[in-house]
């Protein structure tokens, strides 16, 4: 099976982000009962994921600027 295209990967990431958001909403009470260490690890994991997505967005913006220098 071929590797997913960058667009397909972006769609998968969006679906995962939507699922994470829904899970957080559905599990608010469970999250509130987490220990400080668990909550800290949860927050840290989300921050790492966010940073990686932000880096991908920055790289994509750079590629778009190279491809269309007049539209920056």
PDB file of N, CA and C in Angstrom:
ATOM      1  N   UNK A   1       0.843  -1.174   0.000  1.00  0.00           N
ATOM      2  CA  UNK A   1       0.000   0.000   0.000  1.00  0.00           C
ATOM      3  C   UNK A   1       0.892   1.243   0.000  1.00  0.00           C
ATOM      4  N   UNK A   2       0.608   2.210  -0.860  1.00  0.00           N
ATOM      5  CA  UNK A   2       1.474   3.393  -0.953  1.00  0.00           C
ATOM      6  C   UNK A   2       1.366   4.284   0.285  1.00  0.00           C
ATOM      7  N   UNK A   3       2.413   5.042   0.501  1.00  0.00           N
ATOM      8  CA  UNK A   3       2.425   6.006   1.607  1.00  0.00           C
ATOM      9  C   UNK A   3       1.347   7.061   1.357  1.00  0.00           C
ATOM     10  N   UNK A   4       0.718   7.563   2.422  1.00  0.00           N
ATOM     11  CA  UNK A   4      -0.279   8.621   2.219  1.00  0.00           C
ATOM     12  C   UNK A   4       0.389   9.904   1.727  1.00  0.00           C
ATOM     13  N   UNK A   5      -0.345  10.666   0.946  1.00  0.00           N
ATOM     14  CA  UNK A   5       0.165  11.955   0.481  1.00  0.00           C
ATOM     15  C   UNK A   5       0.156  12.934   1.657  1.00  0.00           C
ATOM     16  N   UNK A   6       0.889  14.047   1.541  1.00  0.00           N
ATOM     17  CA  UNK A   6       0.832  15.041   2.616  1.00  0.00           C
ATOM     18  C   UNK A   6      -0.597  15.530   2.890  1.00  0.00           C
ATOM     19  N   UNK A   7      -1.400  15.665   1.849  1.00  0.00           N
ATOM     20  CA  UNK A   7      -2.783  16.094   2.047  1.00  0.00           C
ATOM     21  C   UNK A   7      -3.576  15.042   2.814  1.00  0.00           C
ATOM     22  N   UNK A   8      -3.389  13.782   2.465  1.00  0.00           N
ATOM     23  CA  UNK A   8      -4.074  12.702   3.186  1.00  0.00           C
ATOM     24  C   UNK A   8      -3.639  12.667   4.651  1.00  0.00           C
ATOM     25  N   UNK A   9      -2.355  12.880   4.878  1.00  0.00           N
ATOM     26  CA  UNK A   9      -1.843  12.915   6.246  1.00  0.00           C
ATOM     27  C   UNK A   9      -2.471  14.072   7.023  1.00  0.00           C
ATOM     28  N   UNK A  10      -2.598  15.229   6.376  1.00  0.00           N
ATOM     29  CA  UNK A  10      -3.221  16.384   7.031  1.00  0.00           C
ATOM     30  C   UNK A  10      -4.673  16.087   7.385  1.00  0.00           C
ATOM     31  N   UNK A  11      -5.383  15.418   6.489  1.00  0.00           N
ATOM     32  CA  UNK A  11      -6.775  15.048   6.778  1.00  0.00           C
ATOM     33  C   UNK A  11      -6.839  14.080   7.963  1.00  0.00           C
ATOM     34  N   UNK A  12      -5.900  13.147   8.017  1.00  0.00           N
ATOM     35  CA  UNK A  12      -5.856  12.195   9.134  1.00  0.00           C
ATOM     36  C   UNK A  12      -5.568  12.924  10.447  1.00  0.00           C
ATOM     37  N   UNK A  13      -4.638  13.882  10.397  1.00  0.00           N
ATOM     38  CA  UNK A  13      -4.294  14.645  11.596  1.00  0.00           C
ATOM     39  C   UNK A  13      -5.484  15.466  12.074  1.00  0.00           C
ATOM     40  N   UNK A  14      -6.227  16.048  11.142  1.00  0.00           N
ATOM     41  CA  UNK A  14      -7.413  16.814  11.512  1.00  0.00           C
ATOM     42  C   UNK A  14      -8.439  15.912  12.191  1.00  0.00           C
ATOM     43  N   UNK A  15      -8.650  14.743  11.622  1.00  0.00           N
ATOM     44  CA  UNK A  15      -9.598  13.794  12.216  1.00  0.00           C
ATOM     45  C   UNK A  15      -9.147  13.394  13.620  1.00  0.00           C
ATOM     46  N   UNK A  16      -7.843  13.178  13.792  1.00  0.00           N
ATOM     47  CA  UNK A  16      -7.324  12.817  15.113  1.00  0.00           C
ATOM     48  C   UNK A  16      -7.506  13.967  16.102  1.00  0.00           C
ATOM     49  N   UNK A  17      -7.248  15.195  15.655  1.00  0.00           N
ATOM     50  CA  UNK A  17      -7.414  16.357  16.534  1.00  0.00           C
ATOM     51  C   UNK A  17      -8.870  16.517  16.955  1.00  0.00           C
ATOM     52  N   UNK A  18      -9.775  16.309  16.008  1.00  0.00           N
ATOM     53  CA  UNK A  18     -11.199  16.390  16.338  1.00  0.00           C
ATOM     54  C   UNK A  18     -11.586  15.300  17.336  1.00  0.00           C
ATOM     55  N   UNK A  19     -11.018  14.112  17.176  1.00  0.00           N
ATOM     56  CA  UNK A  19     -11.319  13.013  18.096  1.00  0.00           C
ATOM     57  C   UNK A  19     -10.761  13.297  19.489  1.00  0.00           C
ATOM     58  N   UNK A  20      -9.557  13.848  19.546  1.00  0.00           N
ATOM     59  CA  UNK A  20      -8.955  14.201  20.835  1.00  0.00           C
ATOM     60  C   UNK A  20      -9.827  15.230  21.550  1.00  0.00           C
ATOM     61  N   UNK A  21     -10.263  16.253  20.816  1.00  0.00           N
ATOM     62  CA  UNK A  21     -11.123  17.279  21.403  1.00  0.00           C
ATOM     63  C   UNK A  21     -12.416  16.676  21.931  1.00  0.00           C
ATOM     64  N   UNK A  22     -13.022  15.806  21.140  1.00  0.00           N
ATOM     65  CA  UNK A  22     -14.264  15.146  21.573  1.00  0.00           C
ATOM     66  C   UNK A  22     -14.016  14.282  22.807  1.00  0.00           C
ATOM     67  N   UNK A  23     -12.904  13.559  22.821  1.00  0.00           N
ATOM     68  CA  UNK A  23     -12.577  12.706  23.971  1.00  0.00           C
ATOM     69  C   UNK A  23     -12.370  13.529  25.237  1.00  0.00           C
ATOM     70  N   UNK A  24     -11.722  14.672  25.092  1.00  0.00           N
ATOM     71  CA  UNK A  24     -11.499  15.534  26.258  1.00  0.00           C
ATOM     72  C   UNK A  24     -12.841  16.011  26.800  1.00  0.00           C
ATOM     73  N   UNK A  25     -13.717  16.434  25.903  1.00  0.00           N
ATOM     74  CA  UNK A  25     -15.043  16.894  26.343  1.00  0.00           C
ATOM     75  C   UNK A  25     -15.814  15.773  27.038  1.00  0.00           C
ATOM     76  N   UNK A  26     -15.749  14.573  26.471  1.00  0.00           N
ATOM     77  CA  UNK A  26     -16.492  13.440  27.034  1.00  0.00           C
ATOM     78  C   UNK A  26     -15.903  12.960  28.357  1.00  0.00           C
ATOM     79  N   UNK A  27     -14.627  13.219  28.555  1.00  0.00           N
ATOM     80  CA  UNK A  27     -13.941  12.684  29.734  1.00  0.00           C
ATOM     81  C   UNK A  27     -13.471  13.770  30.693  1.00  0.00           C
ATOM     82  N   UNK A  28     -14.180  14.893  30.711  1.00  0.00           N
ATOM     83  CA  UNK A  28     -13.769  15.995  31.579  1.00  0.00           C
ATOM     84  C   UNK A  28     -13.653  15.561  33.036  1.00  0.00           C
ATOM     85  N   UNK A  29     -14.606  14.791  33.510  1.00  0.00           N
ATOM     86  CA  UNK A  29     -14.575  14.360  34.911  1.00  0.00           C
ATOM     87  C   UNK A  29     -13.361  13.474  35.190  1.00  0.00           C
ATOM     88  N   UNK A  30     -13.048  12.581  34.262  1.00  0.00           N
ATOM     89  CA  UNK A  30     -11.874  11.719  34.438  1.00  0.00           C
ATOM     90  C   UNK A  30     -10.597  12.553  34.437  1.00  0.00           C
ATOM     91  N   UNK A  31     -10.551  13.553  33.576  1.00  0.00           N
ATOM     92  CA  UNK A  31      -9.373  14.421  33.521  1.00  0.00           C
ATOM     93  C   UNK A  31      -9.237  15.197  34.827  1.00  0.00           C
ATOM     94  N   UNK A  32     -10.367  15.665  35.362  1.00  0.00           N
ATOM     95  CA  UNK A  32     -10.328  16.409  36.621  1.00  0.00           C
ATOM     96  C   UNK A  32      -9.854  15.555  37.790  1.00  0.00           C
ATOM     97  N   UNK A  33     -10.017  14.240  37.698  1.00  0.00           N
ATOM     98  CA  UNK A  33      -9.579  13.364  38.789  1.00  0.00           C
ATOM     99  C   UNK A  33      -8.143  12.869  38.609  1.00  0.00           C
ATOM    100  N   UNK A  34      -7.483  13.282  37.531  1.00  0.00           N
ATOM    101  CA  UNK A  34      -6.084  12.877  37.320  1.00  0.00           C
ATOM    102  C   UNK A  34      -5.211  13.465  38.422  1.00  0.00           C
ATOM    103  N   UNK A  35      -4.147  12.754  38.710  1.00  0.00           N
ATOM    104  CA  UNK A  35      -3.157  13.295  39.643  1.00  0.00           C
ATOM    105  C   UNK A  35      -2.430  14.445  38.953  1.00  0.00           C
ATOM    106  N   UNK A  36      -1.724  15.230  39.734  1.00  0.00           N
ATOM    107  CA  UNK A  36      -0.950  16.331  39.156  1.00  0.00           C
ATOM    108  C   UNK A  36       0.060  15.816  38.139  1.00  0.00           C
ATOM    109  N   UNK A  37       0.709  14.696  38.448  1.00  0.00           N
ATOM    110  CA  UNK A  37       1.695  14.129  37.525  1.00  0.00           C
ATOM    111  C   UNK A  37       1.042  13.666  36.227  1.00  0.00           C
ATOM    112  N   UNK A  38      -0.112  13.014  36.338  1.00  0.00           N
ATOM    113  CA  UNK A  38      -0.823  12.556  35.139  1.00  0.00           C
ATOM    114  C   UNK A  38      -1.280  13.741  34.290  1.00  0.00           C
ATOM    115  N   UNK A  39      -1.813  14.752  34.953  1.00  0.00           N
ATOM    116  CA  UNK A  39      -2.284  15.928  34.237  1.00  0.00           C
ATOM    117  C   UNK A  39      -1.124  16.675  33.592  1.00  0.00           C
ATOM    118  N   UNK A  40      -0.013  16.730  34.273  1.00  0.00           N
ATOM    119  CA  UNK A  40       1.176  17.369  33.724  1.00  0.00           C
ATOM    120  C   UNK A  40       1.678  16.620  32.488  1.00  0.00           C
ATOM    121  N   UNK A  41       1.700  15.294  32.553  1.00  0.00           N
ATOM    122  CA  UNK A  41       2.129  14.483  31.407  1.00  0.00           C
ATOM    123  C   UNK A  41       1.158  14.640  30.241  1.00  0.00           C
ATOM    124  N   UNK A  42      -0.134  14.656  30.527  1.00  0.00           N
ATOM    125  CA  UNK A  42      -1.170  14.849  29.509  1.00  0.00           C
ATOM    126  C   UNK A  42      -0.975  16.188  28.808  1.00  0.00           C
ATOM    127  N   UNK A  43      -0.799  17.239  29.594  1.00  0.00           N
ATOM    128  CA  UNK A  43      -0.582  18.584  29.061  1.00  0.00           C
ATOM    129  C   UNK A  43       0.694  18.634  28.232  1.00  0.00           C
ATOM    130  N   UNK A  44       1.741  18.011  28.729  1.00  0.00           N
ATOM    131  CA  UNK A  44       3.017  17.991  28.020  1.00  0.00           C
ATOM    132  C   UNK A  44       2.891  17.296  26.667  1.00  0.00           C
ATOM    133  N   UNK A  45       2.205  16.164  26.635  1.00  0.00           N
ATOM    134  CA  UNK A  45       2.007  15.447  25.371  1.00  0.00           C
ATOM    135  C   UNK A  45       1.244  16.302  24.368  1.00  0.00           C
ATOM    136  N   UNK A  46       0.208  16.994  24.832  1.00  0.00           N
ATOM    137  CA  UNK A  46      -0.554  17.863  23.938  1.00  0.00           C
ATOM    138  C   UNK A  46       0.303  19.022  23.436  1.00  0.00           C
ATOM    139  N   UNK A  47       1.149  19.567  24.305  1.00  0.00           N
ATOM    140  CA  UNK A  47       2.031  20.663  23.898  1.00  0.00           C
ATOM    141  C   UNK A  47       3.040  20.209  22.851  1.00  0.00           C
ATOM    142  N   UNK A  48       3.579  19.008  23.005  1.00  0.00           N
ATOM    143  CA  UNK A  48       4.526  18.467  22.024  1.00  0.00           C
ATOM    144  C   UNK A  48       3.826  18.267  20.682  1.00  0.00           C
ATOM    145  N   UNK A  49       2.626  17.702  20.718  1.00  0.00           N
ATOM    146  CA  UNK A  49       1.865  17.496  19.481  1.00  0.00           C
ATOM    147  C   UNK A  49       1.585  18.834  18.807  1.00  0.00           C
ATOM    148  N   UNK A  50       1.195  19.828  19.586  1.00  0.00           N
ATOM    149  CA  UNK A  50       0.913  21.158  19.053  1.00  0.00           C
ATOM    150  C   UNK A  50       2.166  21.762  18.417  1.00  0.00           C
ATOM    151  N   UNK A  51       3.300  21.629  19.074  1.00  0.00           N
ATOM    152  CA  UNK A  51       4.550  22.171  18.540  1.00  0.00           C
ATOM    153  C   UNK A  51       4.920  21.510  17.214  1.00  0.00           C
ATOM    154  N   UNK A  52       4.705  20.210  17.114  1.00  0.00           N
ATOM    155  CA  UNK A  52       5.016  19.507  15.868  1.00  0.00           C
ATOM    156  C   UNK A  52       4.091  19.958  14.741  1.00  0.00           C
ATOM    157  N   UNK A  53       2.823  20.152  15.058  1.00  0.00           N
ATOM    158  CA  UNK A  53       1.880  20.635  14.048  1.00  0.00           C
ATOM    159  C   UNK A  53       2.239  22.060  13.639  1.00  0.00           C
ATOM    160  N   UNK A  54       2.612  22.878  14.597  1.00  0.00           N
ATOM    161  CA  UNK A  54       3.008  24.248  14.304  1.00  0.00           C
ATOM    162  C   UNK A  54       4.238  24.273  13.390  1.00  0.00           C
ATOM    163  N   UNK A  55       5.186  23.376  13.622  1.00  0.00           N
ATOM    164  CA  UNK A  55       6.371  23.283  12.770  1.00  0.00           C
ATOM    165  C   UNK A  55       5.980  22.868  11.351  1.00  0.00           C
ATOM    166  N   UNK A  56       5.046  21.939  11.235  1.00  0.00           N
ATOM    167  CA  UNK A  56       4.578  21.513   9.912  1.00  0.00           C
ATOM    168  C   UNK A  56       3.890  22.665   9.189  1.00  0.00           C
ATOM    169  N   UNK A  57       3.116  23.465   9.915  1.00  0.00           N
ATOM    170  CA  UNK A  57       2.463  24.624   9.306  1.00  0.00           C
ATOM    171  C   UNK A  57       3.488  25.646   8.828  1.00  0.00           C
ATOM    172  N   UNK A  58       4.501  25.883   9.630  1.00  0.00           N
ATOM    173  CA  UNK A  58       5.553  26.816   9.249  1.00  0.00           C
ATOM    174  C   UNK A  58       6.272  26.336   7.997  1.00  0.00           C
ATOM    175  N   UNK A  59       6.590  25.055   7.942  1.00  0.00           N
ATOM    176  CA  UNK A  59       7.255  24.496   6.770  1.00  0.00           C
ATOM    177  C   UNK A  59       6.363  24.623   5.539  1.00  0.00           C
ATOM    178  N   UNK A  60       5.068  24.370   5.692  1.00  0.00           N
ATOM    179  CA  UNK A  60       4.135  24.486   4.574  1.00  0.00           C
ATOM    180  C   UNK A  60       4.041  25.928   4.093  1.00  0.00           C
ATOM    181  N   UNK A  61       3.994  26.882   5.011  1.00  0.00           N
ATOM    182  CA  UNK A  61       3.964  28.296   4.630  1.00  0.00           C
ATOM    183  C   UNK A  61       5.222  28.671   3.861  1.00  0.00           C
ATOM    184  N   UNK A  62       6.363  28.152   4.295  1.00  0.00           N
ATOM    185  CA  UNK A  62       7.619  28.414   3.596  1.00  0.00           C
ATOM    186  C   UNK A  62       7.576  27.850   2.185  1.00  0.00           C
ATOM    187  N   UNK A  63       7.084  26.626   2.045  1.00  0.00           N
ATOM    188  CA  UNK A  63       6.985  26.014   0.718  1.00  0.00           C
ATOM    189  C   UNK A  63       6.044  26.803  -0.187  1.00  0.00           C
ATOM    190  N   UNK A  64       4.943  27.270   0.364  1.00  0.00           N
ATOM    191  CA  UNK A  64       4.016  28.083  -0.426  1.00  0.00           C
ATOM    192  C   UNK A  64       4.656  29.400  -0.846  1.00  0.00           C
ATOM    193  N   UNK A  65       5.426  30.002   0.033  1.00  0.00           N
ATOM    194  CA  UNK A  65       6.101  31.256  -0.294  1.00  0.00           C
ATOM    195  C   UNK A  65       7.128  31.054  -1.397  1.00  0.00           C
ATOM    196  N   UNK A  66       7.828  29.931  -1.370  1.00  0.00           N
ATOM    197  CA  UNK A  66       8.813  29.632  -2.415  1.00  0.00           C
ATOM    198  C   UNK A  66       8.103  29.402  -3.744  1.00  0.00           C
ATOM    199  N   UNK A  67       6.990  28.707  -3.679  1.00  0.00           N
ATOM    200  CA  UNK A  67       6.246  28.377  -4.893  1.00  0.00           C
ATOM    201  C   UNK A  67       5.556  29.595  -5.487  1.00  0.00           C
ATOM    202  N   UNK A  68       5.040  30.466  -4.640  1.00  0.00           N
ATOM    203  CA  UNK A  68       4.331  31.664  -5.091  1.00  0.00           C
ATOM    204  C   UNK A  68       4.883  32.893  -4.368  1.00  0.00           C
ATOM    205  N   UNK A  69       6.054  33.358  -4.759  1.00  0.00           N
ATOM    206  CA  UNK A  69       6.666  34.473  -4.029  1.00  0.00           C
ATOM    207  C   UNK A  69       5.839  35.761  -4.072  1.00  0.00           C
ATOM    208  N   UNK A  70       4.958  35.917  -5.037  1.00  0.00           N
ATOM    209  CA  UNK A  70       4.146  37.133  -5.131  1.00  0.00           C
ATOM    210  C   UNK A  70       2.976  37.137  -4.158  1.00  0.00           C
ATOM    211  N   UNK A  71       2.624  35.979  -3.594  1.00  0.00           N
ATOM    212  CA  UNK A  71       1.458  35.867  -2.717  1.00  0.00           C
ATOM    213  C   UNK A  71       1.828  35.722  -1.247  1.00  0.00           C
ATOM    214  N   UNK A  72       2.900  36.317  -0.791  1.00  0.00           N
ATOM    215  CA  UNK A  72       3.302  36.178   0.609  1.00  0.00           C
ATOM    216  C   UNK A  72       2.574  37.141   1.503  1.00  0.00           C
TER     217      UNK A  72
END
